[in-house]
Structure formats: C-alpha cells, structure tokens
Amino acid sequence: MPNNQTRKLVHSSVVIVLFTIIMLIAFYVPLVSIVAMGFALLPIAWLAATYDRANAIVVAIIASSVTFIYGGIIMLLTAIVFAVAGLVIGDAIRNKKSKIYLFMSTGLALLFTFSILYIALVKFFNLDFVKISQEIAKTSYEQSIKMAEQFPLQRPVTRESIDEAFRLMEAALPSTIIIAAFLLAFVLISINLPLLKRFKIDAPKFAPFKQMRLPRAVLWYYLIALSISLFVQPEIGSLLYVATLNASLILWLLLTLQGLSFIFFLLDEYKSPGFLKGLIVIIAIPLYSFIILLGIIDLGFNLREYVKGKIHKK
C-alpha cells in the first residue's frame, strides 16, 4: 500500500511538471506551439486513465494553477481547457467506455470549456474575439467593394449583401462553435490515443472511416429541419430561424461525412488505389449536395448491403 501511494505521488508530481512545461512551450516557443497544444492533455489523460478520478482532478487543478504563475490568466484559462479534456479522455478509458462515448464526452467538455473561456475573456478583459473577427472581416469586405468599383465590368458587391452575409454568419455561430469543438476533439483523440497505447493504456480503437454509420434518426431530424425551412420559412433573426439554420448546418456536415464514408467503402470494396480517397475529399467540397444525397440514400436504403451482394455475385 505505501508503495502504491508513493508511486501515485511521484507520478502526480511528474504529470504536474510535464503539463506545465508543455503549456510553457505552447505559449512561448512559436515554431512548435501548435504541436505542443496537441499533446498538452496527454499527461493528465494518462494519470486519469491510471489512477482514481479524485486524484486526477486534484492534479489537474494544481497543474492548471501552476501555469497561472508563469503565464497569467490567459495561460490558466487555456490550461483548464486541455486539463478538462485530458480528465474526460482518461476517465472514459479507465471506465472502459466506448469510443463513441469517448468522442462525444470530449467534444462536450471542449464545448463547455470554450464557453467558459469566452465568457471569462469578455467579462474580465472585455475581449470579444467574435466581434473582433467580424469587424476585421467587414473591413476587408469594404475594401473589396472599393476595389470592385474600379473595375466597371465586374458587378460590385453591395453593402446590403455584405450585411446579409454577416447576419447569416452571426446566426450560424452556435453550430460553427459546436462543429469546431467536436472537430478539435477528434484531432486531439486521434493524436493522443496512439501515444497512450504506447504507455500501456488500454485505449479504445476507432473503427475505419468507411464503417461509419449514423443513426437513422438523423434522416428524420434532417427532414424536420428541411420542412421548417421550406414550408414555415421562419423570419430571419427569429429564434426558430437560428435553431433551424444551426441544426441544418450540423446535419449537412453529418450527412456529408456519411456520404464520404460510403464512397470510401466503395473504393475499398473495388480495391481502388488509395490516392483516390484524397481526390474524392477534394472533389466533395464543390459537390457537397451530391455527397449529402448519397449519405441520405445510404442511411435510408442500406446501399452497402446491396453493393456487397453485387460484388459477391461476380
């Protein structure tokens, strides 16, 4: 028992030091800052996967507090984001949760900490990076209008169209933040799970992208959002409009991923060269409507079983 407690104390101290060092590198070493951010949660995740939850939470609090000494409130808030993500990932692994649970819980944790970080920046520093980015973009568009006026053959961009575009961007902000949080969760999990396995942590393995299959309920959600947009036509700026727009954007992304997954499945079934997958991803950007339709058909009619049957008959 004393040996176990001593080992836990030593490991906890090492984790605090490593987490602090990685955060300092992320803030003060420009060339490797992004790489360091990707691995910042690794020590906390390892500790949470190895020892009990209470110990991991205490260590995460201490490690985040230490970063405040060296980097102030900004580093503290950033450290909290990665510490919480590390706690969630490690705790899910220790409790043998599924890979879907791991991904969803990490995404929700990042979304929650992003919200806290944003509120803290606005409250204590009067720093609203959303408004700042919008003002920068508006300035850029206004300059483009002036440049377009110098070319009479081109149709100038009107101020009304710019205002409408920014209203749309503002309304779509919730879905943009949600997508960004879950995309970051996927990147962090993809980077850190293989490393945790090297440290003899029994981390779950994600299935290949070609096996991705969304619940069929996504089709009903998409149908409801589409029906509201076509038949109800909520007033721009209303709560129903914002909710429908954000739901539609998230559903479009999910169905696009489903369509791409089906294409990857086809390519593997027909033994196609690997470079075609990268080419398909590039082509999918302008042809996203077709990819969404393909995802809808795949979910609704189970195209994969039909394709497998056709291939096995040959």
Protein backbone atom coordinates (compact mmCIF):
# COMPACT_ATOMS: atom_id res chain seq x y z
CA MET A 1 0.00 0.00 0.00
CA PRO A 2 2.70 2.57 0.86
CA ASN A 3 4.49 1.71 -2.36
CA ASN A 4 1.33 2.34 -4.37
CA GLN A 5 0.76 5.68 -2.63
CA THR A 6 4.37 6.69 -3.20
CA ARG A 7 4.14 5.74 -6.87
CA LYS A 8 0.94 7.72 -7.24
CA LEU A 9 2.52 10.76 -5.57
CA VAL A 10 5.61 10.57 -7.81
CA HIS A 11 3.55 10.15 -10.97
CA SER A 12 1.28 13.01 -9.98
CA SER A 13 4.26 15.31 -9.44
CA VAL A 14 5.77 14.34 -12.79
CA VAL A 15 2.45 15.00 -14.52
CA ILE A 16 2.24 18.49 -13.00
CA VAL A 17 5.76 19.29 -14.19
CA LEU A 18 5.20 17.87 -17.69
CA PHE A 19 1.87 19.64 -18.13
CA THR A 20 3.42 22.96 -17.07
CA ILE A 21 6.39 22.52 -19.41
CA ILE A 22 4.16 21.68 -22.38
CA MET A 23 1.96 24.71 -21.72
CA LEU A 24 5.01 26.97 -21.45
CA ILE A 25 6.31 25.63 -24.77
CA ALA A 26 2.89 26.17 -26.34
CA PHE A 27 2.87 29.81 -25.23
CA TYR A 28 6.49 30.88 -25.56
CA VAL A 29 8.03 28.78 -28.36
CA PRO A 30 6.35 29.94 -31.60
CA LEU A 31 7.63 27.28 -34.00
CA VAL A 32 6.32 24.32 -32.01
CA SER A 33 3.40 25.93 -30.17
CA ILE A 34 0.67 24.24 -32.21
CA VAL A 35 2.34 20.83 -31.86
CA ALA A 36 2.67 21.34 -28.10
CA MET A 37 -1.03 22.21 -27.84
CA GLY A 38 -1.86 18.88 -29.46
CA PHE A 39 -0.02 16.97 -26.71
CA ALA A 40 -0.90 19.21 -23.76
CA LEU A 41 -3.63 16.94 -22.41
CA LEU A 42 -1.53 13.75 -22.63
CA PRO A 43 -0.07 13.78 -19.06
CA ILE A 44 -3.46 14.46 -17.46
CA ALA A 45 -5.16 11.82 -19.64
CA TRP A 46 -2.53 9.23 -18.68
CA LEU A 47 -2.93 9.98 -14.99
CA ALA A 48 -6.74 9.89 -15.15
CA ALA A 49 -6.61 6.56 -17.01
CA THR A 50 -4.16 5.07 -14.49
CA TYR A 51 -5.38 6.31 -11.10
CA ASP A 52 -8.66 7.28 -9.46
CA ARG A 53 -10.75 10.24 -10.57
CA ALA A 54 -10.34 12.28 -7.38
CA ASN A 55 -6.54 12.19 -7.61
CA ALA A 56 -6.62 13.16 -11.29
CA ILE A 57 -8.93 16.13 -10.62
CA VAL A 58 -6.70 17.42 -7.81
CA VAL A 59 -3.59 17.10 -10.00
CA ALA A 60 -5.35 18.87 -12.90
CA ILE A 61 -6.31 21.76 -10.62
CA ILE A 62 -2.77 22.07 -9.25
CA ALA A 63 -1.20 21.80 -12.73
CA SER A 64 -3.52 24.47 -14.13
CA SER A 65 -2.84 26.73 -11.14
CA VAL A 66 0.92 26.43 -11.65
CA THR A 67 0.57 27.67 -15.22
CA PHE A 68 -1.04 30.84 -13.83
CA ILE A 69 2.21 31.67 -12.05
CA TYR A 70 4.17 31.66 -15.31
CA GLY A 71 1.60 32.86 -17.85
CA GLY A 72 -1.17 34.68 -16.04
CA ILE A 73 -4.90 34.33 -16.54
CA ILE A 74 -4.74 33.63 -20.30
CA MET A 75 -2.50 30.60 -19.83
CA LEU A 76 -4.63 29.47 -16.89
CA LEU A 77 -7.83 29.54 -18.95
CA THR A 78 -6.14 27.70 -21.83
CA ALA A 79 -4.68 25.14 -19.42
CA ILE A 80 -8.14 24.48 -17.99
CA VAL A 81 -9.43 23.61 -21.47
CA PHE A 82 -6.76 20.95 -22.02
CA ALA A 83 -6.81 19.72 -18.42
CA VAL A 84 -10.56 19.10 -18.55
CA ALA A 85 -10.23 17.35 -21.92
CA GLY A 86 -7.46 15.17 -20.52
CA LEU A 87 -9.57 14.30 -17.47
CA VAL A 88 -12.54 13.31 -19.63
CA ILE A 89 -10.46 11.17 -22.01
CA GLY A 90 -8.55 9.43 -19.22
CA ASP A 91 -11.67 8.83 -17.13
CA ALA A 92 -13.52 7.33 -20.11
CA ILE A 93 -10.60 4.99 -20.80
CA ARG A 94 -10.29 3.92 -17.15
CA ASN A 95 -14.01 3.12 -17.01
CA LYS A 96 -13.87 1.14 -20.31
CA LYS A 97 -16.32 3.41 -22.10
CA SER A 98 -16.99 3.01 -25.81
CA LYS A 99 -15.17 5.05 -28.44
CA ILE A 100 -18.38 6.94 -29.26
CA TYR A 101 -18.79 7.90 -25.61
CA LEU A 102 -15.15 8.98 -25.53
CA PHE A 103 -15.59 11.22 -28.58
CA MET A 104 -18.92 12.72 -27.51
CA SER A 105 -17.83 13.40 -23.93
CA THR A 106 -14.59 15.02 -25.08
CA GLY A 107 -16.45 17.20 -27.58
CA LEU A 108 -18.97 18.30 -24.95
CA ALA A 109 -16.17 19.00 -22.47
CA LEU A 110 -14.37 21.20 -25.01
CA LEU A 111 -17.62 22.96 -25.86
CA PHE A 112 -18.26 23.67 -22.18
CA THR A 113 -14.73 24.93 -21.51
CA PHE A 114 -14.77 27.04 -24.70
CA SER A 115 -17.92 28.71 -23.40
CA ILE A 116 -16.31 29.38 -20.01
CA LEU A 117 -13.16 30.70 -21.72
CA TYR A 118 -15.18 33.03 -23.96
CA ILE A 119 -17.27 34.37 -21.07
CA ALA A 120 -14.13 34.94 -18.97
CA LEU A 121 -12.37 36.83 -21.78
CA VAL A 122 -15.38 39.09 -22.30
CA LYS A 123 -16.03 39.58 -18.58
CA PHE A 124 -12.50 40.22 -17.29
CA PHE A 125 -10.67 41.52 -20.38
CA ASN A 126 -13.51 42.98 -22.44
CA LEU A 127 -12.07 40.89 -25.28
CA ASP A 128 -14.75 39.56 -27.63
CA PHE A 129 -12.78 37.75 -30.33
CA VAL A 130 -16.01 37.01 -32.24
CA LYS A 131 -16.83 40.69 -32.67
CA ILE A 132 -13.19 41.48 -33.40
CA SER A 133 -13.04 38.89 -36.18
CA GLN A 134 -16.32 40.17 -37.61
CA GLU A 135 -15.02 43.75 -37.64
CA ILE A 136 -11.83 42.63 -39.38
CA ALA A 137 -13.85 40.73 -41.96
CA LYS A 138 -16.18 43.70 -42.53
CA THR A 139 -13.21 45.98 -43.06
CA SER A 140 -11.80 43.53 -45.59
CA TYR A 141 -15.11 43.34 -47.45
CA GLU A 142 -15.44 47.12 -47.53
CA GLN A 143 -12.01 47.34 -49.11
CA SER A 144 -13.07 44.76 -51.68
CA ILE A 145 -16.09 46.92 -52.55
CA LYS A 146 -13.85 49.90 -53.21
CA MET A 147 -11.57 47.77 -55.37
CA ALA A 148 -14.55 46.33 -57.30
CA GLU A 149 -15.80 49.84 -58.09
CA GLN A 150 -12.59 50.42 -60.03
CA PHE A 151 -13.50 47.62 -62.45
CA PRO A 152 -16.75 48.60 -64.20
CA LEU A 153 -17.04 45.25 -65.99
CA GLN A 154 -17.43 43.46 -62.67
CA ARG A 155 -20.60 43.52 -60.65
CA PRO A 156 -19.76 45.33 -57.39
CA VAL A 157 -20.54 43.75 -54.05
CA THR A 158 -23.29 45.79 -52.38
CA ARG A 159 -23.32 46.76 -48.75
CA GLU A 160 -26.73 45.10 -48.39
CA SER A 161 -25.32 41.73 -49.48
CA ILE A 162 -22.44 42.11 -47.04
CA ASP A 163 -24.80 42.90 -44.17
CA GLU A 164 -26.93 39.90 -45.08
CA ALA A 165 -23.88 37.64 -45.18
CA PHE A 166 -22.76 38.80 -41.75
CA ARG A 167 -26.26 38.32 -40.32
CA LEU A 168 -26.12 34.76 -41.63
CA MET A 169 -22.67 34.22 -40.10
CA GLU A 170 -23.84 35.58 -36.76
CA ALA A 171 -26.91 33.32 -36.78
CA ALA A 172 -24.77 30.28 -37.65
CA LEU A 173 -22.26 30.96 -34.87
CA PRO A 174 -23.61 28.30 -32.44
CA SER A 175 -23.27 25.48 -34.97
CA THR A 176 -19.85 26.76 -36.01
CA ILE A 177 -18.64 26.58 -32.41
CA ILE A 178 -20.15 23.12 -31.93
CA ILE A 179 -18.53 21.79 -35.10
CA ALA A 180 -15.19 23.35 -34.14
CA ALA A 181 -15.32 21.78 -30.65
CA PHE A 182 -16.05 18.29 -31.94
CA LEU A 183 -13.50 18.62 -34.75
CA LEU A 184 -10.86 19.58 -32.18
CA ALA A 185 -11.97 16.65 -30.01
CA PHE A 186 -11.45 14.28 -32.95
CA VAL A 187 -7.99 15.70 -33.67
CA LEU A 188 -6.88 15.53 -30.01
CA ILE A 189 -8.18 11.98 -29.61
CA SER A 190 -6.52 10.87 -32.86
CA ILE A 191 -3.18 12.31 -31.72
CA ASN A 192 -3.17 11.17 -28.10
CA LEU A 193 -4.82 7.72 -28.11
CA PRO A 194 -1.93 6.05 -30.01
CA LEU A 195 0.52 7.62 -27.56
CA LEU A 196 -1.49 6.41 -24.57
CA LYS A 197 -1.37 2.89 -26.02
CA ARG A 198 2.42 3.14 -26.13
CA PHE A 199 2.31 3.84 -22.39
CA LYS A 200 0.38 0.57 -21.93
CA ILE A 201 -3.01 2.25 -21.54
CA ASP A 202 -5.86 0.12 -22.90
CA ALA A 203 -7.35 2.85 -25.09
CA PRO A 204 -10.25 2.01 -27.46
CA LYS A 205 -9.55 1.81 -31.17
CA PHE A 206 -11.74 3.71 -33.61
CA ALA A 207 -13.26 1.77 -36.48
CA PRO A 208 -12.18 2.73 -40.03
CA PHE A 209 -13.94 5.74 -41.50
CA LYS A 210 -15.52 3.54 -44.19
CA GLN A 211 -17.54 1.77 -41.47
CA MET A 212 -19.10 4.98 -40.18
CA ARG A 213 -22.88 4.69 -39.94
CA LEU A 214 -25.08 7.36 -38.39
CA PRO A 215 -28.37 6.54 -36.64
CA ARG A 216 -31.34 6.63 -39.00
CA ALA A 217 -32.92 9.22 -36.71
CA VAL A 218 -30.59 11.75 -38.39
CA LEU A 219 -32.78 11.45 -41.51
CA TRP A 220 -35.86 12.45 -39.52
CA TYR A 221 -34.05 15.41 -37.98
CA TYR A 222 -32.93 16.49 -41.44
CA LEU A 223 -36.48 16.11 -42.80
CA ILE A 224 -37.90 18.22 -39.96
CA ALA A 225 -35.30 20.98 -40.47
CA LEU A 226 -35.86 20.93 -44.23
CA SER A 227 -39.65 21.09 -43.83
CA ILE A 228 -39.41 24.08 -41.50
CA SER A 229 -37.13 25.90 -43.94
CA LEU A 230 -39.36 25.19 -46.96
CA PHE A 231 -42.87 25.48 -45.57
CA VAL A 232 -42.71 27.52 -42.36
CA GLN A 233 -39.99 29.90 -43.61
CA PRO A 234 -39.23 31.48 -40.23
CA GLU A 235 -38.39 35.17 -40.11
CA ILE A 236 -34.69 35.96 -40.39
CA GLY A 237 -33.23 36.61 -36.97
CA SER A 238 -36.01 34.81 -35.08
CA LEU A 239 -35.26 32.04 -32.60
CA LEU A 240 -36.81 29.41 -34.90
CA TYR A 241 -34.69 30.66 -37.81
CA VAL A 242 -31.47 30.47 -35.80
CA ALA A 243 -32.33 27.00 -34.43
CA THR A 244 -33.26 25.64 -37.87
CA LEU A 245 -30.20 27.14 -39.55
CA ASN A 246 -27.78 25.71 -36.98
CA ALA A 247 -29.46 22.30 -36.95
CA SER A 248 -29.33 22.21 -40.75
CA LEU A 249 -25.61 23.04 -40.84
CA ILE A 250 -24.76 20.28 -38.36
CA LEU A 251 -26.97 17.76 -40.20
CA TRP A 252 -25.44 18.73 -43.56
CA LEU A 253 -21.99 18.04 -42.15
CA LEU A 254 -23.04 14.68 -40.69
CA LEU A 255 -24.69 13.56 -43.93
CA THR A 256 -21.67 14.72 -45.93
CA LEU A 257 -19.45 12.55 -43.73
CA GLN A 258 -21.88 9.66 -44.22
CA GLY A 259 -21.71 10.10 -48.00
CA LEU A 260 -17.92 10.23 -47.95
CA SER A 261 -17.85 7.13 -45.76
CA PHE A 262 -19.94 5.27 -48.35
CA ILE A 263 -17.60 6.35 -51.14
CA PHE A 264 -14.59 5.14 -49.12
CA PHE A 265 -16.42 1.85 -48.61
CA LEU A 266 -16.95 1.52 -52.37
CA LEU A 267 -13.32 2.29 -53.13
CA ASP A 268 -12.10 -0.37 -50.70
CA GLU A 269 -14.60 -2.95 -51.94
CA TYR A 270 -13.41 -2.47 -55.53
CA LYS A 271 -9.72 -2.43 -54.46
CA SER A 272 -9.18 1.10 -55.79
CA PRO A 273 -5.82 2.88 -55.30
CA GLY A 274 -5.50 4.86 -52.08
CA PHE A 275 -4.86 8.26 -53.70
CA LEU A 276 -8.47 8.28 -54.96
CA LYS A 277 -9.69 8.88 -51.40
CA GLY A 278 -7.79 12.16 -51.16
CA LEU A 279 -9.07 13.15 -54.59
CA ILE A 280 -12.65 12.37 -53.57
CA VAL A 281 -12.34 14.56 -50.46
CA ILE A 282 -11.19 17.48 -52.63
CA ILE A 283 -13.97 16.93 -55.18
CA ALA A 284 -16.56 16.63 -52.40
CA ILE A 285 -16.18 20.32 -51.48
CA PRO A 286 -17.88 21.73 -54.63
CA LEU A 287 -20.13 18.67 -54.95
CA TYR A 288 -21.31 18.58 -51.34
CA SER A 289 -25.00 18.48 -52.39
CA PHE A 290 -24.43 15.19 -54.24
CA ILE A 291 -22.43 13.81 -51.29
CA ILE A 292 -25.27 14.72 -48.91
CA LEU A 293 -27.77 12.98 -51.20
CA LEU A 294 -25.54 9.92 -51.27
CA GLY A 295 -25.39 9.94 -47.48
CA ILE A 296 -29.20 10.15 -47.27
CA ILE A 297 -29.62 7.21 -49.65
CA ASP A 298 -27.01 5.16 -47.81
CA LEU A 299 -28.78 5.70 -44.48
CA GLY A 300 -32.28 5.20 -45.84
CA PHE A 301 -31.78 2.22 -48.14
CA ASN A 302 -28.67 0.44 -46.79
CA LEU A 303 -26.71 0.67 -50.04
CA ARG A 304 -23.72 -1.15 -48.56
CA GLU A 305 -25.50 -4.48 -48.32
CA TYR A 306 -26.67 -4.08 -51.91
CA VAL A 307 -23.12 -3.33 -53.09
CA LYS A 308 -21.70 -6.29 -51.15
CA GLY A 309 -24.28 -8.57 -52.73
CA LYS A 310 -23.40 -7.35 -56.21
CA ILE A 311 -19.68 -7.82 -55.64
CA HIS A 312 -20.03 -11.34 -54.24
CA LYS A 313 -22.14 -12.42 -57.20
CA LYS A 314 -19.30 -11.61 -59.60
